[in-house]
Amino acid sequence: MKYLTSDPILETDLVLIYVDDNPAFYGRVEAITADVKKKWWQVKFLFLTMPAQVTTWTIDDNQIRGADFTMGGTPIRIEKVVVPEEPEVSEQPEEAGGSQKKARVLSLDRSGKKNS
């Protein structure tokens, strides 16, 4: 059983949804609004599935922080994804080796032609 974390999910967060304790799909939190019940929330997700789906779940304070819950008897958990920072590309020569790092450009052109 996964216990809650201290940080709740927030709007625009990327989340991983676990179903039956297995990672199932990613989603983005689109909106969070207070529910009519105290300490409950209406959380609108964009699920990054094929096709993409928008849905709203009603979850409580613990569930918004990663606590386990069930939907129709199926165990569910929402886990905030920490998005890695893009690595910096240095334009300055390295001190020890004197070589210069350059950014690598990947082409999405599938025609077989080389970029110049």
N, C-alpha and C. Protein backbone atom coordinates (compact mmCIF):
# COMPACT_ATOMS: atom_id res chain seq x y z
N MET A 1 0.84 -1.18 0.00
CA MET A 1 0.00 0.00 0.00
C MET A 1 0.88 1.24 0.00
N LYS A 2 0.59 2.17 -0.86
CA LYS A 2 1.34 3.43 -0.97
C LYS A 2 0.66 4.46 -0.09
N TYR A 3 1.45 5.15 0.70
CA TYR A 3 0.91 6.18 1.57
C TYR A 3 1.09 7.54 0.94
N LEU A 4 0.32 8.50 1.41
CA LEU A 4 0.33 9.81 0.82
C LEU A 4 1.66 10.53 1.01
N THR A 5 1.93 11.43 0.09
CA THR A 5 3.11 12.29 0.19
C THR A 5 2.65 13.64 0.71
N SER A 6 3.59 14.52 0.96
CA SER A 6 3.22 15.82 1.48
C SER A 6 2.79 16.79 0.38
N ASP A 7 3.24 16.56 -0.85
CA ASP A 7 2.93 17.48 -1.93
C ASP A 7 1.71 17.03 -2.73
N PRO A 8 0.68 17.88 -2.78
CA PRO A 8 -0.48 17.52 -3.61
C PRO A 8 -0.17 17.76 -5.08
N ILE A 9 -0.95 17.11 -5.95
CA ILE A 9 -0.83 17.43 -7.37
C ILE A 9 -1.41 18.82 -7.59
N LEU A 10 -0.88 19.51 -8.58
CA LEU A 10 -1.33 20.86 -8.91
C LEU A 10 -1.70 20.94 -10.38
N GLU A 11 -2.40 21.99 -10.76
CA GLU A 11 -2.74 22.18 -12.16
C GLU A 11 -1.48 22.24 -13.00
N THR A 12 -1.52 21.62 -14.15
CA THR A 12 -0.45 21.46 -15.15
C THR A 12 0.56 20.38 -14.78
N ASP A 13 0.42 19.73 -13.62
CA ASP A 13 1.34 18.64 -13.26
C ASP A 13 1.12 17.45 -14.19
N LEU A 14 2.22 16.76 -14.47
CA LEU A 14 2.16 15.49 -15.18
C LEU A 14 2.05 14.41 -14.12
N VAL A 15 1.13 13.46 -14.32
CA VAL A 15 0.92 12.40 -13.34
C VAL A 15 0.96 11.04 -14.03
N LEU A 16 1.28 10.03 -13.25
CA LEU A 16 1.23 8.64 -13.71
C LEU A 16 0.13 7.97 -12.91
N ILE A 17 -0.81 7.36 -13.60
CA ILE A 17 -1.93 6.68 -12.95
C ILE A 17 -1.59 5.20 -12.84
N TYR A 18 -1.66 4.68 -11.62
CA TYR A 18 -1.44 3.26 -11.36
C TYR A 18 -2.80 2.58 -11.24
N VAL A 19 -2.95 1.45 -11.89
CA VAL A 19 -4.15 0.63 -11.81
C VAL A 19 -3.70 -0.76 -11.36
N ASP A 20 -4.29 -1.28 -10.31
CA ASP A 20 -3.88 -2.57 -9.72
C ASP A 20 -2.38 -2.57 -9.42
N ASP A 21 -1.87 -1.47 -8.86
CA ASP A 21 -0.46 -1.31 -8.48
C ASP A 21 0.52 -1.39 -9.65
N ASN A 22 0.03 -1.22 -10.87
CA ASN A 22 0.89 -1.21 -12.06
C ASN A 22 0.73 0.12 -12.78
N PRO A 23 1.85 0.71 -13.27
CA PRO A 23 1.72 1.96 -14.03
C PRO A 23 0.87 1.70 -15.27
N ALA A 24 -0.15 2.54 -15.48
CA ALA A 24 -1.10 2.29 -16.57
C ALA A 24 -1.03 3.35 -17.67
N PHE A 25 -1.05 4.63 -17.28
CA PHE A 25 -1.02 5.70 -18.29
C PHE A 25 -0.67 7.02 -17.62
N TYR A 26 -0.22 7.96 -18.48
CA TYR A 26 0.11 9.31 -18.02
C TYR A 26 -1.07 10.23 -18.23
N GLY A 27 -1.06 11.33 -17.51
CA GLY A 27 -2.07 12.35 -17.68
C GLY A 27 -1.52 13.70 -17.24
N ARG A 28 -2.24 14.74 -17.62
CA ARG A 28 -1.90 16.08 -17.16
C ARG A 28 -3.10 16.62 -16.40
N VAL A 29 -2.83 17.28 -15.27
CA VAL A 29 -3.89 17.88 -14.48
C VAL A 29 -4.29 19.18 -15.15
N GLU A 30 -5.53 19.26 -15.59
CA GLU A 30 -6.03 20.44 -16.29
C GLU A 30 -6.62 21.47 -15.35
N ALA A 31 -7.35 21.01 -14.33
CA ALA A 31 -8.01 21.93 -13.40
C ALA A 31 -8.31 21.21 -12.10
N ILE A 32 -8.28 21.97 -11.01
CA ILE A 32 -8.66 21.44 -9.70
C ILE A 32 -9.61 22.45 -9.07
N THR A 33 -10.81 21.98 -8.72
CA THR A 33 -11.79 22.84 -8.08
C THR A 33 -12.34 22.15 -6.84
N ALA A 34 -12.75 22.93 -5.89
CA ALA A 34 -13.32 22.38 -4.66
C ALA A 34 -14.64 21.68 -4.95
N ASP A 35 -14.83 20.55 -4.33
CA ASP A 35 -16.09 19.82 -4.44
C ASP A 35 -17.07 20.39 -3.41
N VAL A 36 -18.34 20.00 -3.50
CA VAL A 36 -19.31 20.45 -2.51
C VAL A 36 -19.02 19.85 -1.13
N LYS A 37 -18.39 18.66 -1.11
CA LYS A 37 -18.02 18.04 0.16
C LYS A 37 -16.69 18.63 0.63
N LYS A 38 -16.60 18.96 1.90
CA LYS A 38 -15.39 19.54 2.46
C LYS A 38 -14.22 18.54 2.34
N LYS A 39 -13.05 19.06 1.94
CA LYS A 39 -11.81 18.29 1.77
C LYS A 39 -11.86 17.30 0.60
N TRP A 40 -12.76 17.55 -0.37
CA TRP A 40 -12.83 16.77 -1.60
C TRP A 40 -12.64 17.72 -2.76
N TRP A 41 -12.13 17.18 -3.87
CA TRP A 41 -11.76 17.98 -5.03
C TRP A 41 -12.27 17.38 -6.32
N GLN A 42 -12.63 18.24 -7.27
CA GLN A 42 -12.94 17.83 -8.63
C GLN A 42 -11.66 18.06 -9.44
N VAL A 43 -11.05 16.97 -9.90
CA VAL A 43 -9.78 17.08 -10.63
C VAL A 43 -10.03 16.66 -12.08
N LYS A 44 -9.80 17.62 -12.98
CA LYS A 44 -9.98 17.37 -14.41
C LYS A 44 -8.62 16.97 -14.99
N PHE A 45 -8.59 15.80 -15.63
CA PHE A 45 -7.37 15.25 -16.22
C PHE A 45 -7.48 15.20 -17.74
N LEU A 46 -6.35 15.37 -18.40
CA LEU A 46 -6.20 15.01 -19.81
C LEU A 46 -5.36 13.74 -19.78
N PHE A 47 -5.98 12.59 -20.02
CA PHE A 47 -5.25 11.33 -20.03
C PHE A 47 -4.57 11.15 -21.38
N LEU A 48 -3.28 10.89 -21.34
CA LEU A 48 -2.47 10.78 -22.55
C LEU A 48 -2.51 9.34 -23.05
N THR A 49 -3.68 8.96 -23.50
CA THR A 49 -3.95 7.62 -24.03
C THR A 49 -4.25 7.76 -25.51
N MET A 50 -4.48 6.65 -26.17
CA MET A 50 -4.85 6.68 -27.59
C MET A 50 -6.30 6.23 -27.71
N PRO A 51 -7.24 7.06 -28.01
CA PRO A 51 -7.11 8.51 -28.16
C PRO A 51 -7.03 9.18 -26.79
N ALA A 52 -6.57 10.44 -26.77
CA ALA A 52 -6.51 11.21 -25.53
C ALA A 52 -7.92 11.37 -24.98
N GLN A 53 -8.04 11.40 -23.66
CA GLN A 53 -9.35 11.51 -23.02
C GLN A 53 -9.32 12.58 -21.94
N VAL A 54 -10.40 13.30 -21.80
CA VAL A 54 -10.55 14.27 -20.72
C VAL A 54 -11.62 13.74 -19.79
N THR A 55 -11.31 13.71 -18.50
CA THR A 55 -12.28 13.24 -17.52
C THR A 55 -12.06 13.96 -16.20
N THR A 56 -13.06 13.93 -15.35
CA THR A 56 -12.96 14.55 -14.03
C THR A 56 -13.21 13.49 -12.97
N TRP A 57 -12.30 13.41 -12.01
CA TRP A 57 -12.45 12.51 -10.87
C TRP A 57 -12.68 13.35 -9.62
N THR A 58 -13.51 12.83 -8.73
CA THR A 58 -13.70 13.44 -7.42
C THR A 58 -12.83 12.67 -6.44
N ILE A 59 -11.82 13.36 -5.89
CA ILE A 59 -10.89 12.70 -4.96
C ILE A 59 -10.73 13.55 -3.71
N ASP A 60 -10.28 12.91 -2.63
CA ASP A 60 -10.16 13.64 -1.37
C ASP A 60 -8.73 14.14 -1.15
N ASP A 61 -8.52 14.81 -0.02
CA ASP A 61 -7.21 15.40 0.30
C ASP A 61 -6.07 14.39 0.29
N ASN A 62 -6.31 13.19 0.79
CA ASN A 62 -5.26 12.17 0.80
C ASN A 62 -4.96 11.64 -0.60
N GLN A 63 -6.00 11.41 -1.37
CA GLN A 63 -5.83 10.86 -2.73
C GLN A 63 -5.11 11.86 -3.65
N ILE A 64 -5.32 13.16 -3.42
CA ILE A 64 -4.67 14.18 -4.24
C ILE A 64 -3.17 14.23 -3.92
N ARG A 65 -2.78 13.59 -2.80
CA ARG A 65 -1.37 13.52 -2.38
C ARG A 65 -0.77 12.13 -2.61
N GLY A 66 -1.47 11.26 -3.32
CA GLY A 66 -0.91 9.97 -3.70
C GLY A 66 -1.38 8.76 -2.92
N ALA A 67 -2.37 8.93 -2.04
CA ALA A 67 -2.89 7.78 -1.30
C ALA A 67 -3.68 6.86 -2.22
N ASP A 68 -3.64 5.57 -1.91
CA ASP A 68 -4.41 4.58 -2.67
C ASP A 68 -5.91 4.81 -2.49
N PHE A 69 -6.68 4.50 -3.53
CA PHE A 69 -8.14 4.47 -3.43
C PHE A 69 -8.64 3.46 -4.44
N THR A 70 -9.92 3.22 -4.47
CA THR A 70 -10.48 2.27 -5.44
C THR A 70 -11.57 2.95 -6.26
N MET A 71 -11.72 2.46 -7.49
CA MET A 71 -12.82 2.87 -8.36
C MET A 71 -13.46 1.59 -8.85
N GLY A 72 -14.69 1.37 -8.44
CA GLY A 72 -15.37 0.14 -8.83
C GLY A 72 -14.64 -1.10 -8.33
N GLY A 73 -13.96 -0.99 -7.20
CA GLY A 73 -13.22 -2.11 -6.63
C GLY A 73 -11.80 -2.25 -7.17
N THR A 74 -11.41 -1.44 -8.14
CA THR A 74 -10.06 -1.51 -8.73
C THR A 74 -9.14 -0.52 -8.02
N PRO A 75 -8.01 -0.99 -7.49
CA PRO A 75 -7.06 -0.08 -6.83
C PRO A 75 -6.47 0.93 -7.82
N ILE A 76 -6.46 2.21 -7.40
CA ILE A 76 -5.96 3.32 -8.21
C ILE A 76 -5.01 4.15 -7.34
N ARG A 77 -4.00 4.72 -7.97
CA ARG A 77 -3.11 5.66 -7.29
C ARG A 77 -2.64 6.71 -8.30
N ILE A 78 -2.57 7.95 -7.87
CA ILE A 78 -2.09 9.06 -8.70
C ILE A 78 -0.73 9.45 -8.18
N GLU A 79 0.27 9.41 -9.05
CA GLU A 79 1.64 9.77 -8.64
C GLU A 79 2.13 10.93 -9.49
N LYS A 80 2.58 11.99 -8.81
CA LYS A 80 3.14 13.15 -9.53
C LYS A 80 4.44 12.73 -10.19
N VAL A 81 4.63 13.12 -11.45
CA VAL A 81 5.85 12.81 -12.19
C VAL A 81 6.77 14.02 -12.11
N VAL A 82 8.01 13.76 -11.73
CA VAL A 82 9.01 14.82 -11.73
C VAL A 82 9.62 14.85 -13.12
N VAL A 83 9.38 15.94 -13.84
CA VAL A 83 9.86 16.07 -15.20
C VAL A 83 11.33 16.48 -15.15
N PRO A 84 12.21 15.72 -15.82
CA PRO A 84 13.64 16.06 -15.77
C PRO A 84 13.91 17.37 -16.48
N GLU A 85 14.87 18.10 -15.96
CA GLU A 85 15.27 19.36 -16.58
C GLU A 85 16.05 19.05 -17.85
N GLU A 86 15.93 19.93 -18.83
CA GLU A 86 16.68 19.77 -20.07
C GLU A 86 18.14 20.08 -19.76
N PRO A 87 19.07 19.21 -20.19
CA PRO A 87 20.48 19.46 -19.89
C PRO A 87 20.97 20.71 -20.61
N GLU A 88 21.85 21.44 -19.93
CA GLU A 88 22.43 22.63 -20.54
C GLU A 88 23.49 22.22 -21.53
N VAL A 89 23.58 22.96 -22.63
CA VAL A 89 24.61 22.73 -23.62
C VAL A 89 25.61 23.86 -23.48
N SER A 90 26.84 23.49 -23.21
CA SER A 90 27.89 24.48 -23.00
C SER A 90 28.49 24.91 -24.33
N GLU A 91 28.62 26.20 -24.51
CA GLU A 91 29.28 26.74 -25.69
C GLU A 91 30.72 27.12 -25.36
N GLN A 92 31.10 26.97 -24.09
CA GLN A 92 32.44 27.32 -23.65
C GLN A 92 33.33 26.09 -23.70
N PRO A 93 34.60 26.26 -24.03
CA PRO A 93 35.52 25.12 -24.02
C PRO A 93 35.65 24.55 -22.61
N GLU A 94 35.81 23.23 -22.54
CA GLU A 94 36.04 22.59 -21.25
C GLU A 94 37.43 22.98 -20.78
N GLU A 95 37.58 23.17 -19.47
CA GLU A 95 38.86 23.63 -18.94
C GLU A 95 39.96 22.59 -19.12
N ALA A 96 39.69 21.34 -18.81
CA ALA A 96 40.75 20.33 -18.84
C ALA A 96 41.11 19.92 -20.26
N GLY A 97 40.13 19.56 -21.06
CA GLY A 97 40.42 19.02 -22.39
C GLY A 97 40.47 20.05 -23.48
N GLY A 98 39.91 21.22 -23.25
CA GLY A 98 39.91 22.26 -24.27
C GLY A 98 38.94 22.01 -25.40
N SER A 99 38.17 20.91 -25.36
CA SER A 99 37.23 20.65 -26.44
C SER A 99 35.93 21.40 -26.19
N GLN A 100 35.18 21.64 -27.23
CA GLN A 100 33.95 22.39 -27.13
C GLN A 100 32.78 21.44 -27.37
N LYS A 101 31.75 21.52 -26.52
CA LYS A 101 30.55 20.69 -26.69
C LYS A 101 29.59 21.42 -27.59
N LYS A 102 28.93 20.69 -28.48
CA LYS A 102 27.94 21.29 -29.37
C LYS A 102 26.63 20.53 -29.21
N ALA A 103 25.55 21.25 -29.41
CA ALA A 103 24.24 20.62 -29.37
C ALA A 103 24.08 19.69 -30.55
N ARG A 104 23.39 18.59 -30.33
CA ARG A 104 23.13 17.63 -31.39
C ARG A 104 21.72 17.88 -31.91
N VAL A 105 21.57 18.00 -33.21
CA VAL A 105 20.27 18.24 -33.82
C VAL A 105 19.78 16.95 -34.45
N LEU A 106 18.59 16.56 -34.08
CA LEU A 106 17.98 15.35 -34.64
C LEU A 106 16.94 15.76 -35.66
N SER A 107 17.04 15.21 -36.85
CA SER A 107 16.10 15.54 -37.91
C SER A 107 14.92 14.59 -37.88
N LEU A 108 13.75 15.14 -38.08
CA LEU A 108 12.54 14.32 -38.17
C LEU A 108 12.18 14.05 -39.63
N ASP A 109 13.03 14.49 -40.54
CA ASP A 109 12.83 14.28 -41.97
C ASP A 109 13.11 12.81 -42.28
N ARG A 110 12.14 12.11 -42.80
CA ARG A 110 12.28 10.68 -43.09
C ARG A 110 12.48 10.41 -44.58
N SER A 111 12.78 11.46 -45.35
CA SER A 111 12.93 11.28 -46.80
C SER A 111 14.28 10.67 -47.17
N GLY A 112 15.20 10.61 -46.20
CA GLY A 112 16.51 10.04 -46.48
C GLY A 112 17.54 11.08 -46.87
N LYS A 113 17.11 12.34 -47.06
CA LYS A 113 18.05 13.41 -47.39
C LYS A 113 18.77 13.86 -46.14
N LYS A 114 20.05 14.19 -46.29
CA LYS A 114 20.85 14.72 -45.19
C LYS A 114 20.63 16.21 -45.09
N ASN A 115 20.57 16.71 -43.87
CA ASN A 115 20.50 18.17 -43.66
C ASN A 115 21.89 18.75 -43.83
N SER A 116 21.99 19.94 -44.42
CA SER A 116 23.30 20.56 -44.56
C SER A 116 23.44 21.74 -43.63
